[in-house]
Amino acid sequence: MQVVGFKRFRKVPLRLVLVVPFVLQISAAVGLVGYLSFKNSQQAVNDLAHQLMSRVSGLVDQHLDSYLTAPHQINQLNANAIELGQLNLQDFPSLGRHFWKQMHVFNIGYIAYLSKQDGYAAAGYFLDPKRVIIDELSQRTKGKTYTYTTDNQGNRTSVQYIDETYDPQTEAAYLDAVKAGKPVWSKIYSWDNFPQILSIAASYPIYNNNKTLLGVLSADLRLSQISSFLRKLTVSKSEKTFILERNGLLVASSSKEEPFKIVKGKAQRVNASNSSDRLIRATAQFLHTKFGSL
């Protein structure tokens, strides 16, 4: 039996005996290299995706910080001008024209001075989102708010709108700054008689040398403006950028959805978890599940 076995073994070609193990080793090596290459390519793709997301996130943060800094910068510039005597808080026509000029420099919605006693002067976008108007409420206007159209130099041309009931001291832009006693972001609020206009204001209280409140400077951003800004930052159609408050309410988003709905003539903010945009809704629900209250 041993001799027969030896003869059978000798019938196996030596080349096969040498080649098969070598081929098996090569196959194993190729398979291992292929597997490692696949894993490495997966890791490379993941790393690249992570780098891209980080870069996009950083870009959005950078532009958003710059955009949201502008309202506070405007207030600081105007506060400095008041302190230097370059702006007269009693001269509402001059204040309105000064704000009109600033509206053509900064990407902002509305700039105003809300006096503690005498009314207010302002310039910004109102009924026409593409034309800057001037607003004034003073003794000169007999306690009514006049909205004026302007020419290309900021001169008043005609009365566009008259509001007989508006009280600027009831606005969050005024109340929140007075309460804080320092520059703050106001709560998000809707305009009287125009609930479809929601704004957030950078507010700056102005005091005299005796620390007596004179009024409040404000620079507003409409939520629709912030959404438009986010849409311009969109890198691809598959991504969405949105801002929400800690209570989950949407502030703005790069989607077509408005961050509010008009219900019975009043603006009702939209919770991100109930957004009509599937990606925003899913992200908000994940954040709520993961972290609870933001």
Protein backbone atom coordinates (compact mmCIF):
# COMPACT_ATOMS: atom_id res chain seq x y z
CA MET A 1 0.00 0.00 0.00
CA GLN A 2 2.78 2.32 0.76
CA VAL A 3 4.43 1.60 -2.59
CA VAL A 4 1.16 2.11 -4.48
CA GLY A 5 0.57 5.36 -2.62
CA PHE A 6 4.03 6.53 -3.45
CA LYS A 7 3.52 5.77 -7.11
CA ARG A 8 0.20 7.67 -7.15
CA PHE A 9 1.83 10.64 -5.52
CA ARG A 10 4.61 10.52 -8.08
CA LYS A 11 1.99 10.75 -10.83
CA VAL A 12 1.04 14.27 -9.62
CA PRO A 13 3.06 16.71 -11.75
CA LEU A 14 5.76 18.48 -9.82
CA ARG A 15 4.81 21.74 -11.55
CA LEU A 16 1.30 21.50 -10.12
CA VAL A 17 2.64 20.77 -6.68
CA LEU A 18 4.78 23.89 -6.85
CA VAL A 19 2.34 26.20 -8.67
CA VAL A 20 -0.90 25.54 -6.75
CA PRO A 21 0.37 26.68 -3.33
CA PHE A 22 2.00 29.67 -4.98
CA VAL A 23 -1.26 30.58 -6.76
CA LEU A 24 -3.20 30.12 -3.52
CA GLN A 25 -0.78 32.48 -1.78
CA ILE A 26 -1.15 35.03 -4.57
CA SER A 27 -4.95 34.69 -4.49
CA ALA A 28 -4.98 35.16 -0.75
CA ALA A 29 -2.66 38.14 -1.03
CA VAL A 30 -4.75 39.69 -3.81
CA GLY A 31 -7.92 39.08 -1.83
CA LEU A 32 -6.40 40.64 1.26
CA VAL A 33 -5.11 43.61 -0.73
CA GLY A 34 -8.52 43.99 -2.38
CA TYR A 35 -10.28 43.89 0.99
CA LEU A 36 -7.85 46.37 2.49
CA SER A 37 -8.19 48.60 -0.56
CA PHE A 38 -11.98 48.46 -0.24
CA LYS A 39 -11.84 49.29 3.46
CA ASN A 40 -9.30 52.04 2.83
CA SER A 41 -11.41 53.51 0.03
CA GLN A 42 -14.45 53.41 2.32
CA GLN A 43 -12.46 55.22 4.99
CA ALA A 44 -11.16 57.69 2.41
CA VAL A 45 -14.69 58.43 1.22
CA ASN A 46 -15.88 58.85 4.81
CA ASP A 47 -12.93 61.12 5.59
CA LEU A 48 -13.57 63.15 2.46
CA ALA A 49 -17.27 63.47 3.28
CA HIS A 50 -16.43 64.51 6.83
CA GLN A 51 -13.93 67.10 5.56
CA LEU A 52 -16.50 68.44 3.10
CA MET A 53 -19.19 68.70 5.77
CA SER A 54 -16.77 70.41 8.15
CA ARG A 55 -15.70 72.83 5.43
CA VAL A 56 -19.30 73.65 4.47
CA SER A 57 -20.28 74.02 8.13
CA GLY A 58 -17.32 76.30 8.77
CA LEU A 59 -18.15 78.37 5.70
CA VAL A 60 -21.78 78.78 6.77
CA ASP A 61 -20.74 79.71 10.32
CA GLN A 62 -18.25 82.26 9.04
CA HIS A 63 -20.70 83.97 6.68
CA LEU A 64 -23.55 83.80 9.18
CA ASP A 65 -21.44 85.35 11.94
CA SER A 66 -20.47 88.17 9.60
CA TYR A 67 -24.07 88.68 8.50
CA LEU A 68 -25.45 88.75 12.06
CA THR A 69 -22.71 91.09 13.26
CA ALA A 70 -23.85 93.90 10.95
CA PRO A 71 -26.92 94.98 12.99
CA HIS A 72 -24.81 95.46 16.13
CA GLN A 73 -22.16 97.32 14.12
CA ILE A 74 -24.80 99.72 12.80
CA ASN A 75 -26.05 100.45 16.32
CA GLN A 76 -22.51 101.02 17.57
CA LEU A 77 -21.77 103.41 14.69
CA ASN A 78 -24.92 105.38 15.44
CA ALA A 79 -24.27 105.39 19.19
CA ASN A 80 -20.78 106.77 18.51
CA ALA A 81 -22.21 109.45 16.22
CA ILE A 82 -24.69 110.48 18.93
CA GLU A 83 -21.93 110.67 21.54
CA LEU A 84 -19.80 112.81 19.21
CA GLY A 85 -22.70 115.15 18.51
CA GLN A 86 -22.92 114.15 14.86
CA LEU A 87 -26.52 112.93 15.22
CA ASN A 88 -29.22 115.03 16.85
CA LEU A 89 -31.84 112.83 18.51
CA GLN A 90 -34.36 115.68 18.32
CA ASP A 91 -34.00 116.09 14.55
CA PHE A 92 -36.13 113.22 13.25
CA PRO A 93 -35.98 114.21 9.54
CA SER A 94 -32.17 114.14 9.64
CA LEU A 95 -32.18 110.85 11.54
CA GLY A 96 -34.46 109.29 8.94
CA ARG A 97 -32.24 110.39 6.08
CA HIS A 98 -29.12 109.16 7.90
CA PHE A 99 -30.72 105.73 8.39
CA TRP A 100 -31.80 105.76 4.72
CA LYS A 101 -28.17 106.12 3.67
CA GLN A 102 -27.10 103.27 5.96
CA MET A 103 -29.79 101.06 4.43
CA HIS A 104 -27.95 101.36 1.11
CA VAL A 105 -24.66 100.30 2.67
CA PHE A 106 -25.69 97.37 4.86
CA ASN A 107 -27.75 94.28 4.04
CA ILE A 108 -30.37 94.98 6.69
CA GLY A 109 -34.15 95.24 6.97
CA TYR A 110 -34.88 98.31 9.09
CA ILE A 111 -32.93 100.88 11.13
CA ALA A 112 -34.60 103.03 13.77
CA TYR A 113 -34.31 105.27 16.79
CA LEU A 114 -37.18 104.69 19.23
CA SER A 115 -37.46 107.65 21.58
CA LYS A 116 -38.64 107.25 25.16
CA GLN A 117 -40.99 110.21 24.74
CA ASP A 118 -41.10 111.76 21.28
CA GLY A 119 -41.90 108.87 18.93
CA TYR A 120 -39.42 107.44 16.44
CA ALA A 121 -37.54 107.90 13.19
CA ALA A 122 -36.61 105.03 10.89
CA ALA A 123 -35.77 103.85 7.39
CA GLY A 124 -36.06 100.44 5.80
CA TYR A 125 -38.13 98.04 3.74
CA PHE A 126 -41.84 98.02 4.40
CA LEU A 127 -44.64 97.54 1.86
CA ASP A 128 -42.24 97.27 -1.07
CA PRO A 129 -39.38 94.82 -0.30
CA LYS A 130 -37.16 96.50 -2.90
CA ARG A 131 -37.60 100.18 -2.01
CA VAL A 132 -36.36 101.91 1.13
CA ILE A 133 -38.89 104.17 2.84
CA ILE A 134 -38.64 106.60 5.77
CA ASP A 135 -40.93 106.41 8.81
CA GLU A 136 -41.57 109.15 11.34
CA LEU A 137 -43.74 109.46 14.44
CA SER A 138 -43.34 112.80 16.20
CA GLN A 139 -45.07 115.96 17.35
CA ARG A 140 -44.60 117.21 13.81
CA THR A 141 -46.74 114.32 12.52
CA LYS A 142 -49.28 114.92 15.31
CA GLY A 143 -48.82 111.53 16.91
CA LYS A 144 -49.32 109.56 13.70
CA THR A 145 -46.76 107.39 11.94
CA TYR A 146 -46.10 108.61 8.41
CA THR A 147 -44.41 106.36 5.87
CA TYR A 148 -42.73 108.31 3.08
CA THR A 149 -41.47 107.20 -0.31
CA THR A 150 -38.10 108.67 -1.26
CA ASP A 151 -36.02 109.67 -4.24
CA ASN A 152 -32.54 108.32 -4.97
CA GLN A 153 -31.01 110.83 -2.55
CA GLY A 154 -33.16 109.92 0.43
CA ASN A 155 -35.44 112.95 0.16
CA ARG A 156 -39.08 112.36 1.02
CA THR A 157 -41.36 112.50 -2.01
CA SER A 158 -44.85 111.43 -0.92
CA VAL A 159 -46.84 109.86 1.91
CA GLN A 160 -47.33 106.15 1.26
CA TYR A 161 -49.04 105.06 4.45
CA ILE A 162 -50.39 106.53 7.70
CA ASP A 163 -50.76 104.55 10.94
CA GLU A 164 -52.73 106.29 13.69
CA THR A 165 -52.30 103.67 16.42
CA TYR A 166 -48.69 102.46 16.29
CA ASP A 167 -46.74 102.70 19.54
CA PRO A 168 -43.03 101.86 19.15
CA GLN A 169 -42.60 101.46 22.92
CA THR A 170 -44.62 98.24 22.79
CA GLU A 171 -42.16 96.59 20.39
CA ALA A 172 -39.73 93.89 21.55
CA ALA A 173 -36.94 95.93 19.93
CA TYR A 174 -37.60 98.65 22.53
CA LEU A 175 -38.75 96.67 25.57
CA ASP A 176 -35.99 94.04 25.55
CA ALA A 177 -33.21 96.63 25.37
CA VAL A 178 -34.74 98.73 28.17
CA LYS A 179 -35.12 95.65 30.35
CA ALA A 180 -31.55 94.46 29.72
CA GLY A 181 -29.98 97.91 30.01
CA LYS A 182 -27.40 96.92 27.40
CA PRO A 183 -27.17 95.89 23.72
CA VAL A 184 -29.19 92.71 23.10
CA TRP A 185 -30.97 90.68 20.47
CA SER A 186 -34.70 91.13 20.88
CA LYS A 187 -37.24 88.35 20.80
CA ILE A 188 -38.61 87.56 17.37
CA TYR A 189 -41.74 89.64 16.83
CA SER A 190 -44.31 90.39 14.13
CA TRP A 191 -45.14 93.90 12.97
CA ASP A 192 -48.40 95.51 14.09
CA ASN A 193 -51.06 95.23 11.37
CA PHE A 194 -48.59 93.25 9.23
CA PRO A 195 -48.28 89.77 10.81
CA GLN A 196 -46.54 88.37 7.73
CA ILE A 197 -43.49 90.48 8.61
CA LEU A 198 -41.43 88.84 11.37
CA SER A 199 -38.21 90.43 12.55
CA ILE A 200 -35.46 90.15 15.10
CA ALA A 201 -33.70 93.32 16.22
CA ALA A 202 -30.28 94.17 17.54
CA SER A 203 -31.19 96.80 20.14
CA TYR A 204 -28.98 99.36 21.86
CA PRO A 205 -30.29 101.56 24.73
CA ILE A 206 -29.12 105.18 24.73
CA TYR A 207 -28.60 107.06 28.01
CA ASN A 208 -27.57 110.63 28.80
CA ASN A 209 -24.73 111.60 31.14
CA ASN A 210 -27.06 111.15 34.12
CA LYS A 211 -27.79 107.56 33.10
CA THR A 212 -31.33 108.52 32.14
CA LEU A 213 -32.81 106.55 29.26
CA LEU A 214 -33.30 108.60 26.10
CA GLY A 215 -34.37 105.88 23.72
CA VAL A 216 -33.27 102.77 21.84
CA LEU A 217 -31.38 102.28 18.60
CA SER A 218 -32.42 99.21 16.64
CA ALA A 219 -31.35 97.43 13.48
CA ASP A 220 -33.74 94.75 12.28
CA LEU A 221 -33.39 91.65 10.17
CA ARG A 222 -36.52 90.10 8.74
CA LEU A 223 -36.68 86.33 9.03
CA SER A 224 -37.30 86.22 5.28
CA GLN A 225 -33.99 88.05 4.76
CA ILE A 226 -32.10 85.51 6.86
CA SER A 227 -33.70 82.67 4.88
CA SER A 228 -32.67 84.32 1.60
CA PHE A 229 -29.14 84.65 2.94
CA LEU A 230 -29.04 80.94 3.84
CA ARG A 231 -30.22 79.98 0.34
CA LYS A 232 -27.30 81.87 -1.16
CA LEU A 233 -24.92 79.82 0.99
CA THR A 234 -26.31 76.49 -0.23
CA VAL A 235 -23.55 74.39 -1.79
CA SER A 236 -25.71 71.60 -3.27
CA LYS A 237 -29.39 70.82 -3.78
CA SER A 238 -29.19 67.90 -1.35
CA GLU A 239 -28.20 70.03 1.64
CA LYS A 240 -30.34 72.23 3.88
CA THR A 241 -29.25 74.91 6.31
CA PHE A 242 -31.57 76.09 9.03
CA ILE A 243 -31.53 78.04 12.29
CA LEU A 244 -33.76 77.18 15.20
CA GLU A 245 -34.21 78.44 18.73
CA ARG A 246 -33.66 76.28 21.80
CA ASN A 247 -37.41 75.71 22.01
CA GLY A 248 -37.33 74.13 18.54
CA LEU A 249 -38.99 77.01 16.67
CA LEU A 250 -37.60 77.76 13.23
CA VAL A 251 -35.90 81.10 12.71
CA ALA A 252 -34.92 80.67 9.07
CA SER A 253 -33.98 77.98 6.58
CA SER A 254 -32.59 77.53 3.09
CA SER A 255 -35.75 75.65 2.06
CA LYS A 256 -38.74 77.31 0.40
CA GLU A 257 -40.77 76.94 3.57
CA GLU A 258 -41.58 80.07 5.60
CA PRO A 259 -40.70 79.76 9.32
CA PHE A 260 -44.24 80.80 10.23
CA LYS A 261 -47.88 80.40 9.22
CA ILE A 262 -50.66 82.98 9.29
CA VAL A 263 -53.45 81.64 11.50
CA LYS A 264 -56.52 83.84 12.04
CA GLY A 265 -54.62 86.91 10.97
CA LYS A 266 -51.64 86.30 13.26
CA ALA A 267 -48.19 84.87 12.63
CA GLN A 268 -47.66 81.46 14.20
CA ARG A 269 -44.08 80.20 14.33
CA VAL A 270 -43.32 76.73 12.93
CA ASN A 271 -41.63 74.10 15.10
CA ALA A 272 -38.81 72.44 13.18
CA SER A 273 -40.14 69.00 14.17
CA ASN A 274 -43.34 69.85 12.27
CA SER A 275 -41.61 71.36 9.26
CA SER A 276 -43.02 70.53 5.83
CA ASP A 277 -39.44 69.94 4.69
CA ARG A 278 -38.64 66.26 5.25
CA LEU A 279 -34.91 66.76 5.87
CA ILE A 280 -35.41 69.60 8.37
CA ARG A 281 -38.17 67.67 10.14
CA ALA A 282 -36.09 64.49 10.43
CA THR A 283 -33.02 66.40 11.64
CA ALA A 284 -35.01 68.29 14.27
CA GLN A 285 -36.62 65.07 15.51
CA PHE A 286 -33.20 63.40 15.73
CA LEU A 287 -31.78 66.35 17.70
CA HIS A 288 -34.74 66.26 20.06
CA THR A 289 -34.35 62.51 20.60
CA LYS A 290 -30.58 62.78 21.03
CA PHE A 291 -30.35 65.88 23.20
CA GLY A 292 -33.87 66.62 24.38
CA SER A 293 -34.40 70.34 24.87
CA LEU A 294 -31.76 72.30 22.98
